[in-house]
Amino acid sequence: TRHTYATRLIMAGIKPAYIARQMGH
């Protein structure tokens, strides 16, 4: 579920910095 969330955000064009903050990466 975590990998699914990350890849869907990436494919939607959301900025990687925002995704990293959301995931704690």
mmCIF file of all heavy atoms, coordinates in Angstrom:
data_MODEL
# 
_entry.id   MODEL 
# 
loop_
_atom_site.group_PDB 
_atom_site.id 
_atom_site.type_symbol 
_atom_site.label_atom_id 
_atom_site.label_alt_id 
_atom_site.label_comp_id 
_atom_site.label_asym_id 
_atom_site.label_entity_id 
_atom_site.label_seq_id 
_atom_site.pdbx_PDB_ins_code 
_atom_site.Cartn_x 
_atom_site.Cartn_y 
_atom_site.Cartn_z 
_atom_site.occupancy 
_atom_site.B_iso_or_equiv 
_atom_site.pdbx_formal_charge 
_atom_site.auth_seq_id 
_atom_site.auth_comp_id 
_atom_site.auth_asym_id 
_atom_site.auth_atom_id 
_atom_site.pdbx_PDB_model_num 
ATOM 1   N N   . THR A 1 1  ? 0.839  -1.205 0.000   1.00 0.00 ? 1  THR A N   1 
ATOM 2   C CA  . THR A 1 1  ? 0.000  0.000  0.000   1.00 0.00 ? 1  THR A CA  1 
ATOM 3   C C   . THR A 1 1  ? 0.871  1.250  0.000   1.00 0.00 ? 1  THR A C   1 
ATOM 4   O O   . THR A 1 1  ? 0.514  2.262  -0.608  1.00 0.00 ? 1  THR A O   1 
ATOM 5   C CB  . THR A 1 1  ? -0.935 0.017  1.222   1.00 0.00 ? 1  THR A CB  1 
ATOM 6   O OG1 . THR A 1 1  ? -0.154 -0.047 2.429   1.00 0.00 ? 1  THR A OG1 1 
ATOM 7   C CG2 . THR A 1 1  ? -1.896 -1.168 1.184   1.00 0.00 ? 1  THR A CG2 1 
ATOM 8   N N   . ARG A 1 2  ? 1.994  1.185  0.688   1.00 0.00 ? 2  ARG A N   1 
ATOM 9   C CA  . ARG A 1 2  ? 2.911  2.338  0.747   1.00 0.00 ? 2  ARG A CA  1 
ATOM 10  C C   . ARG A 1 2  ? 3.566  2.565  -0.616  1.00 0.00 ? 2  ARG A C   1 
ATOM 11  O O   . ARG A 1 2  ? 3.668  3.700  -1.089  1.00 0.00 ? 2  ARG A O   1 
ATOM 12  C CB  . ARG A 1 2  ? 3.968  2.084  1.828   1.00 0.00 ? 2  ARG A CB  1 
ATOM 13  C CG  . ARG A 1 2  ? 5.004  3.187  2.013   1.00 0.00 ? 2  ARG A CG  1 
ATOM 14  C CD  . ARG A 1 2  ? 5.773  2.938  3.295   1.00 0.00 ? 2  ARG A CD  1 
ATOM 15  N NE  . ARG A 1 2  ? 6.974  3.744  3.422   1.00 0.00 ? 2  ARG A NE  1 
ATOM 16  C CZ  . ARG A 1 2  ? 7.014  4.984  3.893   1.00 0.00 ? 2  ARG A CZ  1 
ATOM 17  N NH1 . ARG A 1 2  ? 5.891  5.583  4.247   1.00 0.00 ? 2  ARG A NH1 1 
ATOM 18  N NH2 . ARG A 1 2  ? 8.152  5.640  3.998   1.00 0.00 ? 2  ARG A NH2 1 
ATOM 19  N N   . HIS A 1 3  ? 4.024  1.496  -1.246  1.00 0.00 ? 3  HIS A N   1 
ATOM 20  C CA  . HIS A 1 3  ? 4.623  1.631  -2.579  1.00 0.00 ? 3  HIS A CA  1 
ATOM 21  C C   . HIS A 1 3  ? 3.590  2.114  -3.601  1.00 0.00 ? 3  HIS A C   1 
ATOM 22  O O   . HIS A 1 3  ? 3.913  2.894  -4.501  1.00 0.00 ? 3  HIS A O   1 
ATOM 23  C CB  . HIS A 1 3  ? 5.206  0.287  -3.028  1.00 0.00 ? 3  HIS A CB  1 
ATOM 24  C CG  . HIS A 1 3  ? 6.377  -0.166 -2.222  1.00 0.00 ? 3  HIS A CG  1 
ATOM 25  N ND1 . HIS A 1 3  ? 7.388  0.685  -1.844  1.00 0.00 ? 3  HIS A ND1 1 
ATOM 26  C CD2 . HIS A 1 3  ? 6.697  -1.392 -1.721  1.00 0.00 ? 3  HIS A CD2 1 
ATOM 27  C CE1 . HIS A 1 3  ? 8.289  0.012  -1.149  1.00 0.00 ? 3  HIS A CE1 1 
ATOM 28  N NE2 . HIS A 1 3  ? 7.889  -1.242 -1.052  1.00 0.00 ? 3  HIS A NE2 1 
ATOM 29  N N   . THR A 1 4  ? 2.367  1.650  -3.453  1.00 0.00 ? 4  THR A N   1 
ATOM 30  C CA  . THR A 1 4  ? 1.308  2.080  -4.370  1.00 0.00 ? 4  THR A CA  1 
ATOM 31  C C   . THR A 1 4  ? 1.058  3.573  -4.244  1.00 0.00 ? 4  THR A C   1 
ATOM 32  O O   . THR A 1 4  ? 0.917  4.294  -5.247  1.00 0.00 ? 4  THR A O   1 
ATOM 33  C CB  . THR A 1 4  ? 0.007  1.300  -4.075  1.00 0.00 ? 4  THR A CB  1 
ATOM 34  O OG1 . THR A 1 4  ? 0.261  -0.108 -4.202  1.00 0.00 ? 4  THR A OG1 1 
ATOM 35  C CG2 . THR A 1 4  ? -1.106 1.705  -5.026  1.00 0.00 ? 4  THR A CG2 1 
ATOM 36  N N   . TYR A 1 5  ? 0.999  4.042  -3.014  1.00 0.00 ? 5  TYR A N   1 
ATOM 37  C CA  . TYR A 1 5  ? 0.810  5.480  -2.753  1.00 0.00 ? 5  TYR A CA  1 
ATOM 38  C C   . TYR A 1 5  ? 1.926  6.288  -3.409  1.00 0.00 ? 5  TYR A C   1 
ATOM 39  O O   . TYR A 1 5  ? 1.670  7.274  -4.123  1.00 0.00 ? 5  TYR A O   1 
ATOM 40  C CB  . TYR A 1 5  ? 0.795  5.696  -1.241  1.00 0.00 ? 5  TYR A CB  1 
ATOM 41  C CG  . TYR A 1 5  ? 0.827  7.135  -0.791  1.00 0.00 ? 5  TYR A CG  1 
ATOM 42  C CD1 . TYR A 1 5  ? -0.353 7.874  -0.661  1.00 0.00 ? 5  TYR A CD1 1 
ATOM 43  C CD2 . TYR A 1 5  ? 2.025  7.762  -0.465  1.00 0.00 ? 5  TYR A CD2 1 
ATOM 44  C CE1 . TYR A 1 5  ? -0.332 9.187  -0.227  1.00 0.00 ? 5  TYR A CE1 1 
ATOM 45  C CE2 . TYR A 1 5  ? 2.057  9.076  -0.032  1.00 0.00 ? 5  TYR A CE2 1 
ATOM 46  C CZ  . TYR A 1 5  ? 0.882  9.785  0.092   1.00 0.00 ? 5  TYR A CZ  1 
ATOM 47  O OH  . TYR A 1 5  ? 0.912  11.089 0.526   1.00 0.00 ? 5  TYR A OH  1 
ATOM 48  N N   . ALA A 1 6  ? 3.174  5.884  -3.182  1.00 0.00 ? 6  ALA A N   1 
ATOM 49  C CA  . ALA A 1 6  ? 4.311  6.648  -3.705  1.00 0.00 ? 6  ALA A CA  1 
ATOM 50  C C   . ALA A 1 6  ? 4.307  6.694  -5.222  1.00 0.00 ? 6  ALA A C   1 
ATOM 51  O O   . ALA A 1 6  ? 4.480  7.763  -5.832  1.00 0.00 ? 6  ALA A O   1 
ATOM 52  C CB  . ALA A 1 6  ? 5.616  6.033  -3.202  1.00 0.00 ? 6  ALA A CB  1 
ATOM 53  N N   . THR A 1 7  ? 4.113  5.554  -5.857  1.00 0.00 ? 7  THR A N   1 
ATOM 54  C CA  . THR A 1 7  ? 4.184  5.518  -7.318  1.00 0.00 ? 7  THR A CA  1 
ATOM 55  C C   . THR A 1 7  ? 3.012  6.257  -7.961  1.00 0.00 ? 7  THR A C   1 
ATOM 56  O O   . THR A 1 7  ? 3.182  6.892  -9.015  1.00 0.00 ? 7  THR A O   1 
ATOM 57  C CB  . THR A 1 7  ? 4.227  4.061  -7.816  1.00 0.00 ? 7  THR A CB  1 
ATOM 58  O OG1 . THR A 1 7  ? 3.136  3.318  -7.261  1.00 0.00 ? 7  THR A OG1 1 
ATOM 59  C CG2 . THR A 1 7  ? 5.523  3.390  -7.400  1.00 0.00 ? 7  THR A CG2 1 
ATOM 60  N N   . ARG A 1 8  ? 1.843  6.237  -7.338  1.00 0.00 ? 8  ARG A N   1 
ATOM 61  C CA  . ARG A 1 8  ? 0.702  6.968  -7.913  1.00 0.00 ? 8  ARG A CA  1 
ATOM 62  C C   . ARG A 1 8  ? 0.944  8.468  -7.835  1.00 0.00 ? 8  ARG A C   1 
ATOM 63  O O   . ARG A 1 8  ? 0.595  9.216  -8.767  1.00 0.00 ? 8  ARG A O   1 
ATOM 64  C CB  . ARG A 1 8  ? -0.582 6.580  -7.190  1.00 0.00 ? 8  ARG A CB  1 
ATOM 65  C CG  . ARG A 1 8  ? -1.030 5.162  -7.503  1.00 0.00 ? 8  ARG A CG  1 
ATOM 66  C CD  . ARG A 1 8  ? -2.374 4.826  -6.925  1.00 0.00 ? 8  ARG A CD  1 
ATOM 67  N NE  . ARG A 1 8  ? -3.462 5.530  -7.606  1.00 0.00 ? 8  ARG A NE  1 
ATOM 68  C CZ  . ARG A 1 8  ? -4.741 5.320  -7.360  1.00 0.00 ? 8  ARG A CZ  1 
ATOM 69  N NH1 . ARG A 1 8  ? -5.105 4.417  -6.456  1.00 0.00 ? 8  ARG A NH1 1 
ATOM 70  N NH2 . ARG A 1 8  ? -5.674 5.994  -7.996  1.00 0.00 ? 8  ARG A NH2 1 
ATOM 71  N N   . LEU A 1 9  ? 1.542  8.937  -6.743  1.00 0.00 ? 9  LEU A N   1 
ATOM 72  C CA  . LEU A 1 9  ? 1.853  10.363 -6.640  1.00 0.00 ? 9  LEU A CA  1 
ATOM 73  C C   . LEU A 1 9  ? 2.922  10.769 -7.647  1.00 0.00 ? 9  LEU A C   1 
ATOM 74  O O   . LEU A 1 9  ? 2.860  11.842 -8.257  1.00 0.00 ? 9  LEU A O   1 
ATOM 75  C CB  . LEU A 1 9  ? 2.315  10.699 -5.217  1.00 0.00 ? 9  LEU A CB  1 
ATOM 76  C CG  . LEU A 1 9  ? 1.220  11.212 -4.256  1.00 0.00 ? 9  LEU A CG  1 
ATOM 77  C CD1 . LEU A 1 9  ? 0.094  10.204 -4.107  1.00 0.00 ? 9  LEU A CD1 1 
ATOM 78  C CD2 . LEU A 1 9  ? 1.828  11.542 -2.896  1.00 0.00 ? 9  LEU A CD2 1 
ATOM 79  N N   . ILE A 1 10 ? 3.907  9.903  -7.810  1.00 0.00 ? 10 ILE A N   1 
ATOM 80  C CA  . ILE A 1 10 ? 4.966  10.208 -8.768  1.00 0.00 ? 10 ILE A CA  1 
ATOM 81  C C   . ILE A 1 10 ? 4.397  10.286 -10.182 1.00 0.00 ? 10 ILE A C   1 
ATOM 82  O O   . ILE A 1 10 ? 4.679  11.233 -10.935 1.00 0.00 ? 10 ILE A O   1 
ATOM 83  C CB  . ILE A 1 10 ? 6.079  9.132  -8.694  1.00 0.00 ? 10 ILE A CB  1 
ATOM 84  C CG1 . ILE A 1 10 ? 6.845  9.255  -7.372  1.00 0.00 ? 10 ILE A CG1 1 
ATOM 85  C CG2 . ILE A 1 10 ? 7.042  9.261  -9.874  1.00 0.00 ? 10 ILE A CG2 1 
ATOM 86  C CD1 . ILE A 1 10 ? 7.772  8.087  -7.101  1.00 0.00 ? 10 ILE A CD1 1 
ATOM 87  N N   . MET A 1 11 ? 3.590  9.302  -10.567 1.00 0.00 ? 11 MET A N   1 
ATOM 88  C CA  . MET A 1 11 ? 3.040  9.278  -11.918 1.00 0.00 ? 11 MET A CA  1 
ATOM 89  C C   . MET A 1 11 ? 2.051  10.419 -12.157 1.00 0.00 ? 11 MET A C   1 
ATOM 90  O O   . MET A 1 11 ? 1.797  10.795 -13.300 1.00 0.00 ? 11 MET A O   1 
ATOM 91  C CB  . MET A 1 11 ? 2.356  7.941  -12.178 1.00 0.00 ? 11 MET A CB  1 
ATOM 92  C CG  . MET A 1 11 ? 3.286  6.731  -12.096 1.00 0.00 ? 11 MET A CG  1 
ATOM 93  S SD  . MET A 1 11 ? 4.747  6.860  -13.151 1.00 0.00 ? 11 MET A SD  1 
ATOM 94  C CE  . MET A 1 11 ? 4.002  6.685  -14.765 1.00 0.00 ? 11 MET A CE  1 
ATOM 95  N N   . ALA A 1 12 ? 1.507  10.985 -11.064 1.00 0.00 ? 12 ALA A N   1 
ATOM 96  C CA  . ALA A 1 12 ? 0.605  12.131 -11.204 1.00 0.00 ? 12 ALA A CA  1 
ATOM 97  C C   . ALA A 1 12 ? 1.374  13.437 -11.364 1.00 0.00 ? 12 ALA A C   1 
ATOM 98  O O   . ALA A 1 12 ? 0.765  14.502 -11.527 1.00 0.00 ? 12 ALA A O   1 
ATOM 99  C CB  . ALA A 1 12 ? -0.319 12.213 -9.992  1.00 0.00 ? 12 ALA A CB  1 
ATOM 100 N N   . GLY A 1 13 ? 2.702  13.363 -11.297 1.00 0.00 ? 13 GLY A N   1 
ATOM 101 C CA  . GLY A 1 13 ? 3.513  14.554 -11.500 1.00 0.00 ? 13 GLY A CA  1 
ATOM 102 C C   . GLY A 1 13 ? 3.723  15.395 -10.254 1.00 0.00 ? 13 GLY A C   1 
ATOM 103 O O   . GLY A 1 13 ? 4.183  16.541 -10.341 1.00 0.00 ? 13 GLY A O   1 
ATOM 104 N N   . ILE A 1 14 ? 3.408  14.864 -9.083  1.00 0.00 ? 14 ILE A N   1 
ATOM 105 C CA  . ILE A 1 14 ? 3.618  15.614 -7.834  1.00 0.00 ? 14 ILE A CA  1 
ATOM 106 C C   . ILE A 1 14 ? 5.112  15.696 -7.549  1.00 0.00 ? 14 ILE A C   1 
ATOM 107 O O   . ILE A 1 14 ? 5.860  14.748 -7.791  1.00 0.00 ? 14 ILE A O   1 
ATOM 108 C CB  . ILE A 1 14 ? 2.859  14.925 -6.679  1.00 0.00 ? 14 ILE A CB  1 
ATOM 109 C CG1 . ILE A 1 14 ? 1.358  14.988 -6.965  1.00 0.00 ? 14 ILE A CG1 1 
ATOM 110 C CG2 . ILE A 1 14 ? 3.183  15.567 -5.342  1.00 0.00 ? 14 ILE A CG2 1 
ATOM 111 C CD1 . ILE A 1 14 ? 0.511  14.245 -5.952  1.00 0.00 ? 14 ILE A CD1 1 
ATOM 112 N N   . LYS A 1 15 ? 5.552  16.818 -7.037  1.00 0.00 ? 15 LYS A N   1 
ATOM 113 C CA  . LYS A 1 15 ? 6.974  17.061 -6.831  1.00 0.00 ? 15 LYS A CA  1 
ATOM 114 C C   . LYS A 1 15 ? 7.581  16.029 -5.879  1.00 0.00 ? 15 LYS A C   1 
ATOM 115 O O   . LYS A 1 15 ? 7.019  15.738 -4.821  1.00 0.00 ? 15 LYS A O   1 
ATOM 116 C CB  . LYS A 1 15 ? 7.201  18.459 -6.264  1.00 0.00 ? 15 LYS A CB  1 
ATOM 117 C CG  . LYS A 1 15 ? 6.849  19.581 -7.235  1.00 0.00 ? 15 LYS A CG  1 
ATOM 118 C CD  . LYS A 1 15 ? 7.100  20.939 -6.605  1.00 0.00 ? 15 LYS A CD  1 
ATOM 119 C CE  . LYS A 1 15 ? 6.772  22.068 -7.582  1.00 0.00 ? 15 LYS A CE  1 
ATOM 120 N NZ  . LYS A 1 15 ? 6.985  23.400 -6.979  1.00 0.00 ? 15 LYS A NZ  1 
ATOM 121 N N   . PRO A 1 16 ? 8.742  15.475 -6.226  1.00 0.00 ? 16 PRO A N   1 
ATOM 122 C CA  . PRO A 1 16 ? 9.386  14.472 -5.379  1.00 0.00 ? 16 PRO A CA  1 
ATOM 123 C C   . PRO A 1 16 ? 9.661  14.963 -3.958  1.00 0.00 ? 16 PRO A C   1 
ATOM 124 O O   . PRO A 1 16 ? 9.562  14.182 -3.005  1.00 0.00 ? 16 PRO A O   1 
ATOM 125 C CB  . PRO A 1 16 ? 10.690 14.161 -6.120  1.00 0.00 ? 16 PRO A CB  1 
ATOM 126 C CG  . PRO A 1 16 ? 10.372 14.427 -7.550  1.00 0.00 ? 16 PRO A CG  1 
ATOM 127 C CD  . PRO A 1 16 ? 9.442  15.612 -7.525  1.00 0.00 ? 16 PRO A CD  1 
ATOM 128 N N   . ALA A 1 17 ? 9.975  16.241 -3.787  1.00 0.00 ? 17 ALA A N   1 
ATOM 129 C CA  . ALA A 1 17 ? 10.268 16.755 -2.444  1.00 0.00 ? 17 ALA A CA  1 
ATOM 130 C C   . ALA A 1 17 ? 9.040  16.644 -1.544  1.00 0.00 ? 17 ALA A C   1 
ATOM 131 O O   . ALA A 1 17 ? 9.155  16.303 -0.356  1.00 0.00 ? 17 ALA A O   1 
ATOM 132 C CB  . ALA A 1 17 ? 10.727 18.203 -2.527  1.00 0.00 ? 17 ALA A CB  1 
ATOM 133 N N   . TYR A 1 18 ? 7.865  16.916 -2.107  1.00 0.00 ? 18 TYR A N   1 
ATOM 134 C CA  . TYR A 1 18 ? 6.628  16.800 -1.333  1.00 0.00 ? 18 TYR A CA  1 
ATOM 135 C C   . TYR A 1 18 ? 6.351  15.338 -0.980  1.00 0.00 ? 18 TYR A C   1 
ATOM 136 O O   . TYR A 1 18 ? 5.986  15.013 0.159   1.00 0.00 ? 18 TYR A O   1 
ATOM 137 C CB  . TYR A 1 18 ? 5.460  17.363 -2.139  1.00 0.00 ? 18 TYR A CB  1 
ATOM 138 C CG  . TYR A 1 18 ? 4.111  17.191 -1.470  1.00 0.00 ? 18 TYR A CG  1 
ATOM 139 C CD1 . TYR A 1 18 ? 3.676  18.073 -0.490  1.00 0.00 ? 18 TYR A CD1 1 
ATOM 140 C CD2 . TYR A 1 18 ? 3.285  16.121 -1.813  1.00 0.00 ? 18 TYR A CD2 1 
ATOM 141 C CE1 . TYR A 1 18 ? 2.444  17.900 0.127   1.00 0.00 ? 18 TYR A CE1 1 
ATOM 142 C CE2 . TYR A 1 18 ? 2.049  15.943 -1.207  1.00 0.00 ? 18 TYR A CE2 1 
ATOM 143 C CZ  . TYR A 1 18 ? 1.635  16.832 -0.234  1.00 0.00 ? 18 TYR A CZ  1 
ATOM 144 O OH  . TYR A 1 18 ? 0.426  16.664 0.384   1.00 0.00 ? 18 TYR A OH  1 
ATOM 145 N N   . ILE A 1 19 ? 6.540  14.438 -1.946  1.00 0.00 ? 19 ILE A N   1 
ATOM 146 C CA  . ILE A 1 19 ? 6.309  13.012 -1.705  1.00 0.00 ? 19 ILE A CA  1 
ATOM 147 C C   . ILE A 1 19 ? 7.253  12.504 -0.615  1.00 0.00 ? 19 ILE A C   1 
ATOM 148 O O   . ILE A 1 19 ? 6.847  11.747 0.272   1.00 0.00 ? 19 ILE A O   1 
ATOM 149 C CB  . ILE A 1 19 ? 6.494  12.205 -3.001  1.00 0.00 ? 19 ILE A CB  1 
ATOM 150 C CG1 . ILE A 1 19 ? 5.535  12.701 -4.081  1.00 0.00 ? 19 ILE A CG1 1 
ATOM 151 C CG2 . ILE A 1 19 ? 6.290  10.719 -2.755  1.00 0.00 ? 19 ILE A CG2 1 
ATOM 152 C CD1 . ILE A 1 19 ? 5.781  12.095 -5.450  1.00 0.00 ? 19 ILE A CD1 1 
ATOM 153 N N   . ALA A 1 20 ? 8.509  12.925 -0.669  1.00 0.00 ? 20 ALA A N   1 
ATOM 154 C CA  . ALA A 1 20 ? 9.488  12.487 0.336   1.00 0.00 ? 20 ALA A CA  1 
ATOM 155 C C   . ALA A 1 20 ? 9.060  12.932 1.729   1.00 0.00 ? 20 ALA A C   1 
ATOM 156 O O   . ALA A 1 20 ? 9.173  12.176 2.702   1.00 0.00 ? 20 ALA A O   1 
ATOM 157 C CB  . ALA A 1 20 ? 10.871 13.037 -0.006  1.00 0.00 ? 20 ALA A CB  1 
ATOM 158 N N   . ARG A 1 21 ? 8.562  14.166 1.849   1.00 0.00 ? 21 ARG A N   1 
ATOM 159 C CA  . ARG A 1 21 ? 8.107  14.648 3.160   1.00 0.00 ? 21 ARG A CA  1 
ATOM 160 C C   . ARG A 1 21 ? 6.915  13.838 3.645   1.00 0.00 ? 21 ARG A C   1 
ATOM 161 O O   . ARG A 1 21 ? 6.811  13.510 4.832   1.00 0.00 ? 21 ARG A O   1 
ATOM 162 C CB  . ARG A 1 21 ? 7.746  16.127 3.078   1.00 0.00 ? 21 ARG A CB  1 
ATOM 163 C CG  . ARG A 1 21 ? 8.943  17.065 2.972   1.00 0.00 ? 21 ARG A CG  1 
ATOM 164 C CD  . ARG A 1 21 ? 8.549  18.493 3.295   1.00 0.00 ? 21 ARG A CD  1 
ATOM 165 N NE  . ARG A 1 21 ? 7.480  18.990 2.431   1.00 0.00 ? 21 ARG A NE  1 
ATOM 166 C CZ  . ARG A 1 21 ? 7.668  19.565 1.259   1.00 0.00 ? 21 ARG A CZ  1 
ATOM 167 N NH1 . ARG A 1 21 ? 8.899  19.714 0.788   1.00 0.00 ? 21 ARG A NH1 1 
ATOM 168 N NH2 . ARG A 1 21 ? 6.643  20.002 0.538   1.00 0.00 ? 21 ARG A NH2 1 
ATOM 169 N N   . GLN A 1 22 ? 5.983  13.554 2.754   1.00 0.00 ? 22 GLN A N   1 
ATOM 170 C CA  . GLN A 1 22 ? 4.810  12.779 3.139   1.00 0.00 ? 22 GLN A CA  1 
ATOM 171 C C   . GLN A 1 22 ? 5.207  11.395 3.676   1.00 0.00 ? 22 GLN A C   1 
ATOM 172 O O   . GLN A 1 22 ? 4.618  10.887 4.628   1.00 0.00 ? 22 GLN A O   1 
ATOM 173 C CB  . GLN A 1 22 ? 3.888  12.593 1.932   1.00 0.00 ? 22 GLN A CB  1 
ATOM 174 C CG  . GLN A 1 22 ? 3.101  13.824 1.537   1.00 0.00 ? 22 GLN A CG  1 
ATOM 175 C CD  . GLN A 1 22 ? 1.880  14.031 2.430   1.00 0.00 ? 22 GLN A CD  1 
ATOM 176 O OE1 . GLN A 1 22 ? 1.885  14.875 3.316   1.00 0.00 ? 22 GLN A OE1 1 
ATOM 177 N NE2 . GLN A 1 22 ? 0.846  13.250 2.203   1.00 0.00 ? 22 GLN A NE2 1 
ATOM 178 N N   . MET A 1 23 ? 6.208  10.787 3.063   1.00 0.00 ? 23 MET A N   1 
ATOM 179 C CA  . MET A 1 23 ? 6.565  9.411  3.391   1.00 0.00 ? 23 MET A CA  1 
ATOM 180 C C   . MET A 1 23 ? 7.639  9.298  4.469   1.00 0.00 ? 23 MET A C   1 
ATOM 181 O O   . MET A 1 23 ? 7.918  8.191  4.950   1.00 0.00 ? 23 MET A O   1 
ATOM 182 C CB  . MET A 1 23 ? 7.024  8.688  2.128   1.00 0.00 ? 23 MET A CB  1 
ATOM 183 C CG  . MET A 1 23 ? 5.976  8.653  1.034   1.00 0.00 ? 23 MET A CG  1 
ATOM 184 S SD  . MET A 1 23 ? 6.471  7.640  -0.353  1.00 0.00 ? 23 MET A SD  1 
ATOM 185 C CE  . MET A 1 23 ? 6.430  6.008  0.365   1.00 0.00 ? 23 MET A CE  1 
ATOM 186 N N   . GLY A 1 24 ? 8.256  10.419 4.828   1.00 0.00 ? 24 GLY A N   1 
ATOM 187 C CA  . GLY A 1 24 ? 9.328  10.353 5.812   1.00 0.00 ? 24 GLY A CA  1 
ATOM 188 C C   . GLY A 1 24 ? 10.624 9.832  5.227   1.00 0.00 ? 24 GLY A C   1 
ATOM 189 O O   . GLY A 1 24 ? 11.445 9.239  5.925   1.00 0.00 ? 24 GLY A O   1 
ATOM 190 N N   . HIS A 1 25 ? 10.812 10.060 3.932   1.00 0.00 ? 25 HIS A N   1 
ATOM 191 C CA  . HIS A 1 25 ? 12.037 9.649  3.239   1.00 0.00 ? 25 HIS A CA  1 
ATOM 192 C C   . HIS A 1 25 ? 12.957 10.846 3.046   1.00 0.00 ? 25 HIS A C   1 
ATOM 193 O O   . HIS A 1 25 ? 12.508 12.001 3.028   1.00 0.00 ? 25 HIS A O   1 
ATOM 194 C CB  . HIS A 1 25 ? 11.714 9.100  1.840   1.00 0.00 ? 25 HIS A CB  1 
ATOM 195 C CG  . HIS A 1 25 ? 11.310 7.667  1.820   1.00 0.00 ? 25 HIS A CG  1 
ATOM 196 N ND1 . HIS A 1 25 ? 11.813 6.734  2.683   1.00 0.00 ? 25 HIS A ND1 1 
ATOM 197 C CD2 . HIS A 1 25 ? 10.445 6.991  1.008   1.00 0.00 ? 25 HIS A CD2 1 
ATOM 198 C CE1 . HIS A 1 25 ? 11.280 5.551  2.420   1.00 0.00 ? 25 HIS A CE1 1 
ATOM 199 N NE2 . HIS A 1 25 ? 10.446 5.685  1.419   1.00 0.00 ? 25 HIS A NE2 1 
# 
